[in-house]
Amino acid sequence: GKGTNAWKNGRRYEGEWKADEISGEGRWRWADGRSFHGLFKSDCPIKGSLVDADGCVYAVTYNGKVDIGNDALKPSTRTKLASPAQEDFVKAAKVWERSIEAAASVAPLQEKLSELQAVSKKKEAEEGRHRETLTGLDAKLSEASKADEVASKVFKGLDEEAKKAEKEASEALSKAEKTASDIIAKAKKEAAEAISKAEKTAADIIAKANKDKEETVAKAEKLSADAVSKAEKEKADATGNVHKAAQAARTKADAASKTSATKKKAAAEAKAAADKVRKEHDVSAKALADANKELQAQEKALEGAKKSLEAAESELKGFSSNK
């Protein structure tokens, strides 16, 4: 069939087509103004007339293998036409050019006309909507006027309520500030009392610890002195008894030396006295050992009292740091 196609690069074809290819009689125009009028086959020119860019007309043939849109296309033969034939063909080509230009100008005009018609219809529709909107706005304006009157009354009532609420809020704020002030003063007083009480408690703990320490030390020293005094007394008594027994034994031995029987008896008595002395010495040694144990126990008690005092002082320091 026949048809027309224009490309964006300025090229244009009008004529016969076959299977979406340029085939048959047709006219091709390049963007630089040249044009070919003749026979085509599978998008390739075969033979026809070529109007060159200088306006000259040539009878041309092609090998039928190069696409019409290929820039490498060259005629196989080219013969310039005589003047009358050339002028007629140029006239025909110019007429075709003008028809192309006219067609090109008509399409935008038709498109512009369609746009103007669409705009006109759109404006008419908008005017109709505007009229409807204005009618609705008039009605709403009337309603708004009535609503404004009602709102004025409402706002007046709200203003009075707002003033009342503001007054109540101010009173509540004053009351809250007074309550907060009272709470703060009470808290400060309680804190001061707690600190004073804690300081007194700490002082009592230290005083008690010092007193316990002094009493424990005094008690330990007294017990130690008593134990030493007792041990020394028992030792002196035992020593005196030993001296007395030894003196008695010597006296008896001297008296017994006069006779052999008396000597034997004195020897026996001296042995008995010596055994007694040894027993008394053992008792004295045991008493001294008990006194030493009692002294060690008192020293342990004194060490415990010192640790209690150190713990009390540490507790006081921790309490002071917390304060």
Protein backbone atom coordinates (compact mmCIF):
# COMPACT_ATOMS: atom_id res chain seq x y z
CA GLY A 1 0.00 0.00 0.00
CA LYS A 2 0.84 3.67 -0.03
CA GLY A 3 1.89 5.72 2.95
CA THR A 4 4.02 8.51 4.35
CA ASN A 5 6.68 8.45 7.05
CA ALA A 6 8.79 11.29 8.49
CA TRP A 7 11.88 10.74 10.63
CA LYS A 8 13.20 12.99 13.44
CA ASN A 9 16.42 13.59 11.52
CA GLY A 10 14.44 15.48 8.83
CA ARG A 11 14.10 12.67 6.27
CA ARG A 12 10.71 11.93 4.68
CA TYR A 13 9.20 9.31 2.33
CA GLU A 14 5.90 9.24 0.43
CA GLY A 15 4.95 6.31 -1.79
CA GLU A 16 4.47 2.57 -1.92
CA TRP A 17 5.30 0.09 0.83
CA LYS A 18 5.55 -3.70 0.96
CA ALA A 19 6.01 -5.76 4.16
CA ASP A 20 7.01 -2.62 6.11
CA GLU A 21 9.71 -1.84 3.51
CA ILE A 22 9.96 0.92 0.93
CA SER A 23 9.15 -0.89 -2.34
CA GLY A 24 7.63 0.49 -5.54
CA GLU A 25 7.21 4.08 -6.75
CA GLY A 26 7.94 6.81 -4.23
CA ARG A 27 9.66 10.06 -3.28
CA TRP A 28 12.46 10.42 -0.75
CA ARG A 29 13.69 13.71 0.71
CA TRP A 30 16.89 14.20 2.72
CA ALA A 31 17.30 16.78 5.50
CA ASP A 32 19.76 18.84 3.38
CA GLY A 33 17.10 19.47 0.66
CA ARG A 34 18.06 16.76 -1.84
CA SER A 35 15.28 14.49 -3.09
CA PHE A 36 14.92 11.26 -5.10
CA HIS A 37 11.84 10.39 -7.18
CA GLY A 38 11.74 6.88 -8.59
CA LEU A 39 11.64 3.14 -8.01
CA PHE A 40 12.55 1.42 -4.70
CA LYS A 41 13.00 -2.21 -3.64
CA SER A 42 13.46 -3.36 0.00
CA ASP A 43 14.40 0.16 1.21
CA CYS A 44 17.01 0.51 -1.57
CA PRO A 45 16.69 2.97 -4.50
CA ILE A 46 16.86 1.41 -8.02
CA LYS A 47 16.44 4.21 -10.60
CA GLY A 48 14.81 7.63 -10.94
CA SER A 49 15.50 11.33 -10.78
CA LEU A 50 17.72 13.05 -8.22
CA VAL A 51 17.38 16.76 -7.34
CA ASP A 52 20.77 17.72 -5.93
CA ALA A 53 21.43 20.38 -3.29
CA ASP A 54 22.46 22.85 -6.07
CA GLY A 55 19.05 22.50 -7.74
CA CYS A 56 20.30 20.42 -10.69
CA VAL A 57 18.27 17.37 -11.79
CA TYR A 58 19.96 14.09 -12.73
CA ALA A 59 18.75 10.78 -14.08
CA VAL A 60 20.33 8.21 -11.74
CA THR A 61 20.58 4.46 -11.21
CA TYR A 62 21.70 2.50 -8.12
CA ASN A 63 22.92 -1.04 -7.57
CA GLY A 64 19.89 -1.80 -5.35
CA LYS A 65 22.03 -3.00 -2.43
CA VAL A 66 22.49 0.17 -0.33
CA ASP A 67 19.71 1.44 1.96
CA ILE A 68 18.28 4.86 1.03
CA GLY A 69 19.06 6.09 4.58
CA ASN A 70 22.74 5.07 4.41
CA ASP A 71 25.05 8.09 4.11
CA ALA A 72 27.39 5.95 1.93
CA LEU A 73 24.73 5.73 -0.82
CA LYS A 74 26.14 6.75 -4.24
CA PRO A 75 24.52 6.55 -7.72
CA SER A 76 25.91 3.94 -10.13
CA THR A 77 25.16 6.32 -13.04
CA ARG A 78 24.18 9.97 -13.10
CA THR A 79 23.12 11.99 -16.17
CA LYS A 80 22.13 15.64 -15.98
CA LEU A 81 18.77 16.33 -17.61
CA ALA A 82 18.31 18.97 -20.36
CA SER A 83 17.13 22.41 -19.28
CA PRO A 84 13.36 22.18 -20.10
CA ALA A 85 13.02 18.75 -18.49
CA GLN A 86 15.08 19.93 -15.58
CA GLU A 87 12.93 23.00 -15.05
CA ASP A 88 9.74 20.96 -15.16
CA PHE A 89 11.07 18.43 -12.69
CA VAL A 90 12.36 21.19 -10.39
CA LYS A 91 8.94 22.82 -10.46
CA ALA A 92 7.32 19.50 -9.61
CA ALA A 93 9.85 18.96 -6.80
CA LYS A 94 9.20 22.46 -5.44
CA VAL A 95 5.48 21.82 -5.51
CA TRP A 96 6.11 18.62 -3.54
CA GLU A 97 8.33 20.58 -1.10
CA ARG A 98 5.58 23.14 -0.60
CA SER A 99 3.02 20.41 -0.08
CA ILE A 100 5.32 18.86 2.54
CA GLU A 101 5.74 22.23 4.26
CA ALA A 102 2.02 22.87 4.08
CA ALA A 103 1.26 19.44 5.52
CA ALA A 104 3.85 20.03 8.20
CA SER A 105 2.29 23.40 9.06
CA VAL A 106 -1.29 22.09 9.00
CA ALA A 107 -0.61 19.37 11.55
CA PRO A 108 0.57 21.80 14.29
CA LEU A 109 -2.34 24.12 13.47
CA GLN A 110 -4.78 21.26 13.80
CA GLU A 111 -3.12 20.22 17.03
CA LYS A 112 -3.24 23.81 18.30
CA LEU A 113 -6.90 24.07 17.31
CA SER A 114 -7.68 20.88 19.19
CA GLU A 115 -5.85 22.22 22.22
CA LEU A 116 -7.77 25.51 22.05
CA GLN A 117 -11.07 23.65 21.71
CA ALA A 118 -10.15 21.47 24.70
CA VAL A 119 -9.13 24.55 26.70
CA SER A 120 -12.41 26.28 25.77
CA LYS A 121 -14.44 23.30 26.91
CA LYS A 122 -12.37 23.11 30.08
CA LYS A 123 -12.95 26.81 30.79
CA GLU A 124 -16.69 26.44 30.18
CA ALA A 125 -16.75 23.51 32.59
CA GLU A 126 -14.70 25.48 35.11
CA GLU A 127 -17.06 28.48 34.79
CA GLY A 128 -19.99 26.17 35.46
CA ARG A 129 -18.22 24.76 38.50
CA HIS A 130 -17.33 28.30 39.60
CA ARG A 131 -21.00 29.34 39.37
CA GLU A 132 -22.00 26.32 41.39
CA THR A 133 -19.19 27.08 43.85
CA LEU A 134 -20.30 30.73 44.16
CA THR A 135 -23.89 29.64 44.82
CA GLY A 136 -22.63 27.21 47.47
CA LEU A 137 -20.36 29.87 48.93
CA ASP A 138 -23.25 32.34 49.22
CA ALA A 139 -25.23 29.74 51.12
CA LYS A 140 -22.23 28.93 53.30
CA LEU A 141 -21.60 32.65 53.88
CA SER A 142 -25.15 33.03 55.16
CA GLU A 143 -24.64 30.01 57.39
CA ALA A 144 -21.28 31.39 58.50
CA SER A 145 -22.87 34.70 59.51
CA LYS A 146 -25.36 32.84 61.66
CA ALA A 147 -22.60 30.64 63.02
CA ASP A 148 -20.53 33.76 63.75
CA GLU A 149 -23.32 35.13 65.93
CA VAL A 150 -23.57 31.85 67.77
CA ALA A 151 -19.75 31.66 68.03
CA SER A 152 -19.64 35.21 69.48
CA LYS A 153 -22.00 34.14 72.22
CA VAL A 154 -20.06 30.94 72.78
CA PHE A 155 -16.72 32.80 72.81
CA LYS A 156 -18.11 35.27 75.31
CA GLY A 157 -19.12 32.41 77.59
CA LEU A 158 -15.78 30.70 77.01
CA ASP A 159 -13.96 33.94 77.84
CA GLU A 160 -15.80 34.19 81.14
CA GLU A 161 -15.06 30.53 81.86
CA ALA A 162 -11.40 31.08 80.91
CA LYS A 163 -11.14 34.03 83.31
CA LYS A 164 -12.75 31.94 86.03
CA ALA A 165 -10.41 29.01 85.29
CA GLU A 166 -7.41 31.37 85.30
CA LYS A 167 -8.44 32.72 88.71
CA GLU A 168 -8.90 29.18 90.08
CA ALA A 169 -5.56 28.14 88.59
CA SER A 170 -3.85 31.14 90.20
CA GLU A 171 -5.39 30.29 93.58
CA ALA A 172 -4.42 26.63 93.16
CA LEU A 173 -0.88 27.66 92.21
CA SER A 174 -0.58 29.90 95.29
CA LYS A 175 -1.88 27.08 97.47
CA ALA A 176 0.52 24.60 95.85
CA GLU A 177 3.45 26.97 96.34
CA LYS A 178 2.55 27.41 100.04
CA THR A 179 2.19 23.63 100.46
CA ALA A 180 5.51 23.07 98.73
CA SER A 181 7.14 25.72 100.95
CA ASP A 182 5.73 24.03 104.06
CA ILE A 183 6.93 20.61 102.85
CA ILE A 184 10.41 21.97 102.13
CA ALA A 185 10.61 23.66 105.56
CA LYS A 186 9.40 20.46 107.26
CA ALA A 187 11.91 18.38 105.29
CA LYS A 188 14.74 20.74 106.21
CA LYS A 189 13.70 20.60 109.91
CA GLU A 190 13.47 16.79 109.85
CA ALA A 191 16.83 16.59 108.08
CA ALA A 192 18.44 18.87 110.69
CA GLU A 193 16.91 16.80 113.50
CA ALA A 194 18.06 13.58 111.84
CA ILE A 195 21.60 14.96 111.48
CA SER A 196 21.62 16.14 115.08
CA LYS A 197 20.29 12.79 116.28
CA ALA A 198 22.86 10.93 114.16
CA GLU A 199 25.68 13.10 115.52
CA LYS A 200 24.47 12.48 119.10
CA THR A 201 24.20 8.74 118.40
CA ALA A 202 27.70 8.74 116.96
CA ALA A 203 29.02 10.66 119.98
CA ASP A 204 27.26 8.19 122.33
CA ILE A 205 28.78 5.25 120.39
CA ILE A 206 32.27 6.76 120.67
CA ALA A 207 31.81 7.60 124.35
CA LYS A 208 30.50 4.10 125.09
CA ALA A 209 33.34 2.53 123.08
CA ASN A 210 35.92 4.65 124.96
CA LYS A 211 34.29 3.80 128.28
CA ASP A 212 34.16 0.06 127.43
CA LYS A 213 37.79 0.25 126.36
CA GLU A 214 38.85 1.96 129.58
CA GLU A 215 36.82 -0.46 131.72
CA THR A 216 38.18 -3.47 129.83
CA VAL A 217 41.75 -2.20 130.08
CA ALA A 218 41.33 -1.42 133.78
CA LYS A 219 39.74 -4.80 134.42
CA ALA A 220 42.46 -6.60 132.50
CA GLU A 221 45.18 -4.65 134.31
CA LYS A 222 43.55 -5.39 137.69
CA LEU A 223 43.17 -9.09 136.92
CA SER A 224 46.73 -9.22 135.68
CA ALA A 225 48.01 -7.45 138.80
CA ASP A 226 45.92 -9.74 141.04
CA ALA A 227 47.20 -12.82 139.24
CA VAL A 228 50.81 -11.64 139.49
CA SER A 229 50.37 -10.69 143.16
CA LYS A 230 48.75 -14.04 143.93
CA ALA A 231 51.47 -15.92 142.06
CA GLU A 232 54.20 -13.96 143.83
CA LYS A 233 52.54 -14.53 147.26
CA GLU A 234 52.13 -18.26 146.60
CA LYS A 235 55.72 -18.38 145.38
CA ALA A 236 56.94 -16.54 148.52
CA ASP A 237 54.84 -18.83 150.76
CA ALA A 238 56.17 -21.89 148.98
CA THR A 239 59.74 -20.61 149.22
CA GLY A 240 59.29 -19.84 152.94
CA ASN A 241 57.82 -23.29 153.54
CA VAL A 242 60.70 -24.82 151.65
CA HIS A 243 63.22 -22.88 153.76
CA LYS A 244 61.39 -23.81 156.94
CA ALA A 245 61.17 -27.44 155.97
CA ALA A 246 64.82 -27.49 154.95
CA GLN A 247 65.82 -25.84 158.25
CA ALA A 248 63.73 -28.30 160.18
CA ALA A 249 65.22 -31.14 158.19
CA ARG A 250 68.73 -29.89 158.90
CA THR A 251 67.90 -29.55 162.60
CA LYS A 252 66.47 -33.02 162.69
CA ALA A 253 69.42 -34.36 160.73
CA ASP A 254 71.83 -32.79 163.21
CA ALA A 255 69.91 -34.24 166.11
CA ALA A 256 69.71 -37.62 164.45
CA SER A 257 73.40 -37.73 163.74
CA LYS A 258 73.99 -38.51 167.42
CA THR A 259 72.76 -41.99 166.99
CA SER A 260 72.36 -44.18 164.01
CA ALA A 261 68.74 -44.87 164.75
CA THR A 262 68.09 -41.20 165.15
CA LYS A 263 69.90 -40.55 161.85
CA LYS A 264 67.79 -43.08 160.01
CA LYS A 265 64.66 -41.57 161.42
CA ALA A 266 65.83 -38.07 160.57
CA ALA A 267 66.72 -39.21 157.08
CA ALA A 268 63.27 -40.61 156.62
CA GLU A 269 61.71 -37.43 157.96
CA ALA A 270 64.02 -35.34 155.75
CA LYS A 271 62.95 -37.36 152.72
CA ALA A 272 59.31 -36.90 153.65
CA ALA A 273 59.90 -33.18 154.13
CA ALA A 274 61.68 -33.01 150.77
CA ASP A 275 58.75 -34.82 149.08
CA LYS A 276 56.35 -32.34 150.67
CA VAL A 277 58.44 -29.44 149.47
CA ARG A 278 58.44 -30.86 145.95
CA LYS A 279 54.66 -31.21 146.04
CA GLU A 280 54.23 -27.66 147.31
CA HIS A 281 56.62 -26.47 144.58
CA ASP A 282 54.51 -28.30 141.95
CA VAL A 283 51.35 -26.63 143.36
CA SER A 284 53.05 -23.24 143.23
CA ALA A 285 54.18 -23.88 139.61
CA LYS A 286 50.61 -24.87 138.66
CA ALA A 287 49.21 -21.71 140.29
CA LEU A 288 51.75 -19.63 138.40
CA ALA A 289 50.73 -21.36 135.10
CA ASP A 290 47.02 -20.66 135.84
CA ALA A 291 47.90 -17.03 136.55
CA ASN A 292 49.69 -16.82 133.17
CA LYS A 293 46.64 -18.31 131.40
CA GLU A 294 44.38 -15.78 133.13
CA LEU A 295 46.75 -13.01 132.04
CA GLN A 296 46.63 -14.25 128.40
CA ALA A 297 42.81 -14.34 128.54
CA GLN A 298 42.76 -10.76 129.77
CA GLU A 299 45.12 -9.72 126.98
CA LYS A 300 42.73 -11.29 124.44
CA ALA A 301 39.83 -9.44 126.05
CA LEU A 302 41.85 -6.21 125.81
CA GLU A 303 42.55 -6.90 122.09
CA GLY A 304 38.80 -7.50 121.50
CA ALA A 305 38.00 -4.19 123.19
CA LYS A 306 40.48 -2.42 120.91
CA LYS A 307 38.84 -3.98 117.80
CA SER A 308 35.38 -2.92 119.05
CA LEU A 309 36.66 0.63 119.44
CA GLU A 310 38.17 0.62 115.91
CA ALA A 311 34.84 -0.69 114.47
CA ALA A 312 32.95 2.06 116.28
CA GLU A 313 35.33 4.71 114.94
CA SER A 314 34.98 3.27 111.38
CA GLU A 315 31.18 3.31 111.70
CA LEU A 316 31.34 6.94 112.85
CA LYS A 317 33.53 7.91 109.85
CA GLY A 318 31.12 6.19 107.43
CA PHE A 319 28.16 7.95 109.00
CA SER A 320 29.96 11.33 108.74
CA SER A 321 30.71 10.69 105.04
CA ASN A 322 27.04 9.85 104.33
CA LYS A 323 25.98 13.01 106.10
